[in-house]
Protein backbone atom coordinates (compact mmCIF):
# COMPACT_ATOMS: atom_id res chain seq x y z
CA MET A 1 79.54 87.69 6.93
CA LYS A 2 82.43 89.56 4.65
CA GLN A 3 81.51 92.77 6.86
CA ILE A 4 82.11 90.37 10.09
CA MET A 5 85.90 89.62 8.96
CA GLN A 6 86.73 93.04 7.80
CA THR A 7 85.96 94.41 10.94
CA ARG A 8 88.03 91.90 12.89
CA SER A 9 91.11 92.46 10.62
CA LYS A 10 90.76 96.26 11.54
CA THR A 11 90.84 95.29 15.23
CA THR A 12 93.60 93.22 14.88
CA SER A 13 96.01 95.42 12.69
CA LEU A 14 95.37 98.20 15.26
CA LEU A 15 96.61 96.40 17.92
CA THR A 16 99.55 94.89 16.43
CA THR A 17 100.17 98.91 15.61
CA LYS A 18 99.49 100.05 19.35
CA ALA A 19 101.74 97.55 20.50
CA ALA A 20 104.55 98.17 18.26
CA THR A 21 104.75 101.74 19.18
CA ALA A 22 104.08 101.61 23.03
CA THR A 23 106.56 102.14 25.63
CA PRO A 24 107.94 98.66 27.21
CA ARG A 25 107.42 98.50 31.10
CA PRO A 26 110.09 97.60 33.23
CA PRO A 27 110.09 94.35 35.23
CA LEU A 28 108.29 94.46 38.56
CA LYS A 29 110.40 94.28 41.63
CA PRO A 30 109.85 92.11 44.23
CA LYS A 31 107.69 93.87 47.37
CA PRO A 32 110.21 94.15 50.52
CA PHE A 33 109.29 91.39 53.19
CA LEU A 34 107.34 92.82 56.04
CA GLN A 35 109.70 93.28 59.05
CA LEU A 36 108.86 93.17 62.49
CA ASN A 37 111.96 94.99 63.71
CA LYS A 38 114.83 96.75 62.20
CA HIS A 39 116.93 93.32 62.77
CA ALA A 40 115.02 91.14 60.20
CA THR A 41 116.95 90.37 57.36
CA THR A 42 115.36 91.14 54.20
CA PRO A 43 115.49 89.19 51.44
CA SER A 44 117.45 90.02 47.96
CA PRO A 45 115.92 90.86 45.13
CA THR A 46 116.45 87.67 43.08
CA GLN A 47 116.03 85.44 46.49
CA GLU A 48 112.66 83.46 46.15
CA MET A 49 110.06 82.87 49.10
CA ASN A 50 107.52 80.40 49.55
CA TRP A 51 104.86 81.15 51.39
CA MET A 52 106.00 79.08 54.72
CA GLU A 53 108.87 81.57 54.82
CA ARG A 54 106.57 84.58 54.62
CA LEU A 55 104.74 83.34 57.64
CA THR A 56 107.91 82.40 59.68
CA PRO A 57 109.60 85.30 61.01
CA PRO A 58 113.46 85.27 60.60
CA SER A 59 115.57 83.74 63.50
CA PRO A 60 117.07 86.95 64.84
CA ILE A 61 113.60 88.04 65.73
CA ALA A 62 113.46 85.02 67.83
CA LYS A 63 117.04 84.90 69.29
CA VAL A 64 116.84 88.24 70.76
CA PRO A 65 116.22 88.23 74.14
CA LEU A 66 114.03 90.95 75.84
CA ALA A 67 115.88 93.37 78.03
CA ARG A 68 113.25 92.83 80.86
CA ASN A 69 113.73 89.16 80.89
CA SER A 70 117.47 88.85 80.27
CA PRO A 71 119.76 89.01 83.16
CA ASP A 72 122.73 90.09 80.92
CA PRO A 73 120.77 92.09 78.12
CA PRO A 74 122.27 93.31 74.81
CA ASN A 75 121.74 96.38 73.38
CA VAL A 76 119.26 95.78 71.22
CA GLU A 77 115.77 97.36 70.73
CA ALA A 78 112.43 94.99 71.03
CA SER A 79 110.64 94.71 68.22
CA PRO A 80 107.16 96.86 68.23
CA LEU A 81 104.86 93.82 69.15
CA GLU A 82 107.26 92.75 72.06
CA LYS A 83 106.87 96.31 73.27
CA ARG A 84 103.08 96.13 73.77
CA ARG A 85 103.58 93.03 75.68
CA PRO A 86 102.98 94.18 79.65
CA ALA A 87 106.12 93.39 81.88
CA ALA A 88 105.16 90.27 84.31
CA ALA A 89 103.46 91.02 87.44
CA THR A 90 105.28 90.81 90.40
CA VAL A 91 103.46 88.45 92.58
CA ARG A 92 103.29 88.84 96.07
CA SER A 93 101.73 86.68 99.09
CA LYS A 94 98.99 88.19 101.46
CA GLN A 95 101.29 88.59 104.19
CA GLU A 96 103.95 90.82 102.37
CA LEU A 97 101.34 93.31 100.99
CA PRO A 98 101.35 97.04 102.46
CA LYS A 99 98.25 97.01 105.32
CA ASN A 100 97.00 100.59 106.31
CA PRO A 101 96.86 101.15 110.19
CA PRO A 102 93.63 101.12 111.89
CA VAL A 103 92.08 104.35 112.16
CA ASN A 104 92.93 106.23 115.33
CA TRP A 105 94.90 103.54 116.81
CA GLU A 106 97.22 106.00 118.25
CA TYR A 107 94.54 107.07 120.34
CA VAL A 108 93.40 103.72 121.36
CA TYR A 109 96.85 103.05 122.03
CA ASP A 110 97.94 106.14 124.36
CA GLU A 111 94.61 105.58 126.13
CA ILE A 112 95.33 102.15 127.32
CA LYS A 113 98.55 102.73 128.33
CA LEU A 114 97.69 105.65 130.10
CA PHE A 115 95.45 103.45 132.12
CA ARG A 116 97.85 101.20 132.62
CA ARG A 117 100.04 103.48 134.30
CA MET A 118 96.99 104.04 136.83
CA ASN A 119 96.12 100.19 137.18
CA SER A 120 98.65 97.74 137.80
CA ALA A 121 98.89 94.28 136.69
CA PRO A 122 100.72 90.62 137.84
CA VAL A 123 102.80 91.25 134.61
CA ASP A 124 103.89 94.20 136.52
CA THR A 125 105.82 92.84 139.42
CA LEU A 126 105.85 89.05 138.00
CA GLY A 127 106.34 89.01 134.79
CA CYS A 128 109.20 86.93 132.90
CA GLY A 129 111.41 89.94 131.93
CA ILE A 130 111.69 91.09 136.05
CA LEU A 131 112.52 87.95 137.93
CA ALA A 132 116.21 87.94 137.34
CA SER A 133 118.30 90.12 138.94
CA PRO A 134 120.35 92.92 137.13
CA THR A 135 122.73 92.45 139.63
CA LEU A 136 123.57 89.10 138.29
CA PRO A 137 126.26 88.13 136.06
CA PRO A 138 125.15 88.93 132.58
CA LYS A 139 125.34 85.34 131.61
CA VAL A 140 123.38 83.96 134.64
CA PHE A 141 120.77 87.04 134.66
CA ARG A 142 120.32 86.08 130.90
CA PHE A 143 120.34 82.30 131.56
CA GLN A 144 117.59 83.18 134.59
CA THR A 145 115.29 84.94 132.05
CA PHE A 146 115.42 82.42 129.07
CA THR A 147 114.43 79.92 132.02
CA ALA A 148 111.57 82.16 133.37
CA LEU A 149 110.53 82.59 129.23
CA LEU A 150 110.66 78.50 128.41
CA LEU A 151 108.45 78.09 131.68
CA SER A 152 105.96 80.43 131.39
CA SER A 153 104.04 79.12 128.26
CA GLN A 154 100.27 78.49 129.12
CA THR A 155 101.12 79.80 132.93
CA LYS A 156 99.57 82.22 134.64
CA ASP A 157 102.52 85.05 136.12
CA PRO A 158 102.29 84.03 139.70
CA ALA A 159 102.73 80.16 139.59
CA ASN A 160 105.62 81.10 137.04
CA ALA A 161 107.37 83.24 139.41
CA ALA A 162 106.96 80.94 142.51
CA ALA A 163 108.75 78.22 139.84
CA ILE A 164 111.72 80.21 139.59
CA GLU A 165 111.86 80.96 143.38
CA ARG A 166 112.32 77.22 144.18
CA LEU A 167 114.90 76.82 141.68
CA LYS A 168 116.81 80.01 142.81
CA THR A 169 116.89 78.74 146.21
CA GLN A 170 117.06 74.80 146.03
CA LEU A 171 119.17 74.11 143.33
CA PRO A 172 122.96 73.75 144.40
CA GLY A 173 124.58 77.41 143.40
CA GLY A 174 121.54 78.59 142.25
CA LEU A 175 119.59 78.99 139.32
CA THR A 176 122.59 78.63 136.83
CA ILE A 177 122.90 75.94 133.56
CA GLU A 178 125.67 74.80 135.66
CA SER A 179 123.03 73.53 138.35
CA VAL A 180 119.87 72.79 135.87
CA LEU A 181 122.78 69.97 134.12
CA GLU A 182 123.71 68.87 137.22
CA VAL A 183 120.39 68.05 139.00
CA ASP A 184 118.18 64.77 137.96
CA LEU A 185 115.37 65.23 135.64
CA LYS A 186 112.96 63.86 138.60
CA THR A 187 114.02 66.71 141.05
CA LEU A 188 114.06 69.56 138.63
CA GLN A 189 110.39 68.42 137.45
CA SER A 190 109.25 68.36 141.19
CA LEU A 191 110.78 71.68 141.59
CA ILE A 192 108.77 73.29 138.85
CA ARG A 193 105.62 71.66 139.57
CA GLY A 194 102.82 74.48 139.35
CA VAL A 195 103.59 75.10 135.91
CA SER A 196 101.67 73.58 132.84
CA PHE A 197 103.26 70.68 131.58
CA HIS A 198 106.06 70.82 133.84
CA MET A 199 107.23 67.20 133.15
CA LYS A 200 108.21 68.28 129.78
CA LYS A 201 109.42 71.58 130.30
CA ALA A 202 112.00 70.09 132.60
CA VAL A 203 112.70 68.00 129.77
CA TYR A 204 113.26 71.07 127.48
CA LEU A 205 115.20 72.92 129.87
CA LYS A 206 118.00 70.22 130.38
CA GLY A 207 117.91 70.03 126.29
CA ALA A 208 118.33 73.73 125.80
CA SER A 209 120.63 74.46 128.97
CA GLN A 210 123.34 71.50 127.15
CA ILE A 211 123.05 73.13 123.83
CA LEU A 212 123.43 76.63 125.32
CA VAL A 213 126.95 74.86 126.53
CA ASP A 214 127.73 73.22 123.55
CA GLN A 215 127.11 76.00 121.03
CA PHE A 216 126.73 79.04 122.52
CA ASP A 217 129.44 79.35 125.32
CA SER A 218 127.24 78.79 127.68
CA ASP A 219 125.08 81.82 127.04
CA VAL A 220 121.76 82.87 125.74
CA PRO A 221 121.77 83.34 121.48
CA LYS A 222 121.84 87.08 120.16
CA GLU A 223 119.95 85.89 117.15
CA ALA A 224 115.83 84.87 117.57
CA LYS A 225 116.28 82.15 114.95
CA GLU A 226 118.97 80.47 116.95
CA ILE A 227 116.66 81.01 119.86
CA LEU A 228 113.80 79.76 118.29
CA ASN A 229 115.38 76.66 117.57
CA LEU A 230 116.15 75.48 121.28
CA PRO A 231 113.75 72.83 122.54
CA GLY A 232 110.41 74.39 123.77
CA ILE A 233 110.83 78.08 122.45
CA GLY A 234 108.31 79.65 120.37
CA PRO A 235 108.26 82.52 118.32
CA LYS A 236 106.75 84.78 121.34
CA MET A 237 109.33 83.50 123.70
CA ALA A 238 112.28 84.37 121.02
CA HIS A 239 111.14 87.76 120.75
CA LEU A 240 110.72 88.21 123.88
CA ALA A 241 114.38 86.79 125.05
CA MET A 242 115.56 89.26 122.59
CA GLN A 243 114.24 92.22 124.09
CA PHE A 244 114.80 91.10 127.99
CA CYS A 245 117.94 89.34 127.37
CA TRP A 246 119.86 91.49 124.81
CA GLY A 247 117.94 94.92 124.58
CA ILE A 248 116.96 94.22 121.04
CA ASN A 249 113.41 95.20 120.03
CA ASP A 250 113.31 95.02 116.49
CA SER A 251 113.26 91.60 115.79
CA GLY A 252 109.72 91.09 116.33
CA ILE A 253 106.58 91.57 118.52
CA GLY A 254 106.19 88.89 121.16
CA VAL A 255 102.54 88.10 121.10
CA ASP A 256 100.69 86.09 123.18
CA THR A 257 97.01 84.92 124.60
CA HIS A 258 96.03 88.82 125.98
CA LEU A 259 97.20 90.53 123.06
CA HIS A 260 96.06 88.34 120.60
CA ARG A 261 92.42 88.20 121.51
CA ILE A 262 92.72 92.28 122.44
CA ALA A 263 94.07 93.12 118.98
CA ASN A 264 91.43 91.05 117.30
CA LYS A 265 88.60 92.21 119.21
CA LEU A 266 89.57 96.06 118.57
CA GLY A 267 90.08 94.89 114.79
CA TRP A 268 93.38 96.05 114.48
CA VAL A 269 94.18 92.33 112.96
CA HIS A 270 91.72 89.57 111.07
CA THR A 271 93.48 86.91 112.57
CA LYS A 272 91.44 84.99 115.39
CA ASP A 273 91.50 81.75 113.77
CA TYR A 274 95.40 81.77 112.25
CA GLY A 275 97.41 81.35 115.49
CA HIS A 276 99.38 84.11 117.49
CA ASP A 277 102.02 84.28 114.69
CA ALA A 278 99.56 85.38 112.52
CA THR A 279 99.06 88.17 114.59
CA ARG A 280 102.42 88.95 115.12
CA LYS A 281 103.24 89.58 111.08
CA GLU A 282 100.05 91.39 110.81
CA LEU A 283 100.67 93.93 113.44
CA GLN A 284 104.43 94.25 112.18
CA GLN A 285 103.34 95.50 109.33
CA TRP A 286 101.95 98.80 110.26
CA LEU A 287 102.79 99.08 114.51
CA PRO A 288 105.78 101.52 114.59
CA VAL A 289 108.89 99.54 115.35
CA LYS A 290 109.64 101.78 118.52
CA TYR A 291 106.23 100.15 120.04
CA TRP A 292 107.19 96.61 119.56
CA ALA A 293 108.87 95.97 122.94
CA GLU A 294 106.54 97.60 125.15
CA ILE A 295 103.50 96.59 123.58
CA ASN A 296 103.53 92.82 125.12
CA PRO A 297 103.61 93.90 128.63
CA LEU A 298 100.77 96.78 128.11
CA PHE A 299 98.93 94.53 126.42
CA VAL A 300 98.80 91.30 128.65
CA GLY A 301 98.58 93.70 131.99
CA PHE A 302 95.35 95.27 130.41
CA GLY A 303 93.86 91.48 129.46
CA GLN A 304 94.86 90.28 132.89
CA VAL A 305 92.90 92.80 134.99
CA HIS A 306 90.35 94.72 132.76
CA CYS A 307 89.94 93.30 128.88
CA THR A 308 89.75 89.40 130.19
CA ALA A 309 88.69 86.65 128.09
CA ASP A 310 85.52 85.70 130.00
CA ARG A 311 84.17 88.82 131.60
CA PRO A 312 85.44 91.91 130.24
CA LEU A 313 84.55 95.19 132.35
CA CYS A 314 83.26 97.02 129.22
CA HIS A 315 81.36 99.67 131.14
CA ARG A 316 84.47 100.88 132.81
CA CYS A 317 86.59 100.70 129.54
CA PRO A 318 88.83 103.72 128.65
CA VAL A 319 88.25 102.92 124.80
CA SER A 320 84.93 101.47 124.73
CA ASP A 321 83.66 103.81 122.48
CA MET A 322 86.30 102.81 120.04
CA CYS A 323 85.96 98.80 120.58
CA PRO A 324 84.02 97.25 117.63
CA LYS A 325 83.18 94.38 120.46
CA LYS A 326 82.11 96.87 123.39
CA ASP A 327 78.87 94.91 123.63
CA PHE A 328 80.76 91.42 124.46
CA LYS A 329 78.44 89.53 126.53
CA PRO A 330 80.38 87.41 129.09
CA ARG A 331 80.38 83.75 129.33
CA LYS A 332 77.84 82.02 131.54
């Protein structure tokens, strides 16, 4: 027992001696706060921070807007964490995405064009763009062309041309905007009998004529959007009116039933169930503007006499080797 007490006494005296002779340690400095960017504030050595304050980023970081999201960004560098975030992707609709042109489309186009030079069609002599005489005063010429376009919807060229000829010869003063407004509705309807929906089209023609007088100085507007707002006018008529009346070919492609059908048959577009305007938008994504005016009469004539809807002459087609529908079965 005495031996144990002596050992403890020696150990205590030894520790006391070491403590007296040891060099005192300097006080510990508080560790700096982790900064996410150079704009974060570092607390002073004397500032105490609890666990909530350490987990919450300092306010200057939250208030610094990113340069890519701010309309007037400050001259401040974003934090490393923000730099790693990818920029928001620009969402584009399917119609806006660029479209590659079909393979060998130029060869097909040139072959159809060569075929049409050697094979005439009703559109070449009775189409809307040639029914008005170019020797007429400019406003009268444009109004007669506009009238032919309005009446042409779902109507064959010979029937439409016959109706325009009756208006020219039987209206007092000929086919002018004034004579259309002066004639009574029933007489106008009888004169255009033979075109489809002639009762409604007579109403549309009178209404459009009044708008042209009131808003456009008795002339056809020079903007496709304004033409499209007139009664009885669709996108095809508006773009063709820009081409025939004003010689402006870059407003859009005039797509009718023939161009819609043949472009889908060739695989140039895939809009069979989405309408003519969808065909126009898809064609305009890749077809050069220089072809926008001539493609309508070119393919309309090709569809009238050769690539018809019911019985296409595939065995005589100049582009049958390039057509996915060359084995088309005629309707019974």
